[in-house]
Amino acid sequence: MPMIGWIILLLALAMILGSLFMLRDSANSMRIPEDKLEKIRKRKAELDAQDDDD
């Protein structure tokens, strides 16, 4: 494979890895407010109770 092919391959790999690392770093910065978290827990409990009835 010519040198330009290797360079393009390495650049593509670097871009993929860089975007995955950025995604991993930004995943923890999304905080859910406590009131929405409580609403989610309440809805989950309702669905679990409904599944137990079925």
Protein backbone atom coordinates (compact mmCIF):
# COMPACT_ATOMS: atom_id res chain seq x y z
CA MET A 1 0.00 0.00 0.00
CA PRO A 2 1.41 3.43 -0.87
CA MET A 3 2.38 5.84 1.88
CA ILE A 4 -0.67 8.07 1.29
CA GLY A 5 -2.93 5.08 1.95
CA TRP A 6 -1.32 4.47 5.34
CA ILE A 7 -1.59 8.15 6.22
CA ILE A 8 -5.29 8.25 5.35
CA LEU A 9 -5.88 5.04 7.31
CA LEU A 10 -4.10 6.42 10.38
CA LEU A 11 -5.99 9.73 10.17
CA ALA A 12 -9.33 7.91 9.96
CA LEU A 13 -8.43 5.75 12.96
CA ALA A 14 -7.32 8.81 14.93
CA MET A 15 -10.60 10.60 14.16
CA ILE A 16 -12.67 7.61 15.26
CA LEU A 17 -10.73 7.16 18.49
CA GLY A 18 -10.80 10.89 19.21
CA SER A 19 -14.56 11.08 18.81
CA LEU A 20 -15.04 8.03 21.06
CA PHE A 21 -12.88 9.61 23.78
CA MET A 22 -14.80 12.88 23.51
CA LEU A 23 -18.08 11.00 23.79
CA ARG A 24 -16.83 9.15 26.89
CA ASP A 25 -15.69 12.37 28.55
CA SER A 26 -18.96 14.20 27.88
CA ALA A 27 -21.16 11.30 29.04
CA ASN A 28 -20.66 12.09 32.74
CA SER A 29 -21.37 15.80 32.43
CA MET A 30 -25.10 15.33 31.81
CA ARG A 31 -26.78 15.60 35.21
CA ILE A 32 -30.49 14.91 35.69
CA PRO A 33 -32.27 17.23 38.11
CA GLU A 34 -33.50 15.57 41.31
CA ASP A 35 -37.19 16.25 40.60
CA LYS A 36 -37.00 14.55 37.19
CA LEU A 37 -35.08 11.66 38.73
CA GLU A 38 -37.84 11.20 41.31
CA LYS A 39 -40.47 11.26 38.55
CA ILE A 40 -38.53 8.57 36.66
CA ARG A 41 -38.31 6.39 39.76
CA LYS A 42 -42.02 6.80 40.43
CA ARG A 43 -42.93 5.87 36.85
CA LYS A 44 -40.63 2.84 36.98
CA ALA A 45 -42.28 1.65 40.19
CA GLU A 46 -45.72 2.02 38.55
CA LEU A 47 -44.61 -0.02 35.53
CA ASP A 48 -43.07 -2.70 37.75
CA ALA A 49 -46.28 -2.95 39.74
CA GLN A 50 -48.28 -3.20 36.51
CA ASP A 51 -45.98 -5.98 35.26
CA ASP A 52 -46.41 -7.88 38.54
CA ASP A 53 -50.18 -7.73 38.13
CA ASP A 54 -49.94 -9.20 34.64
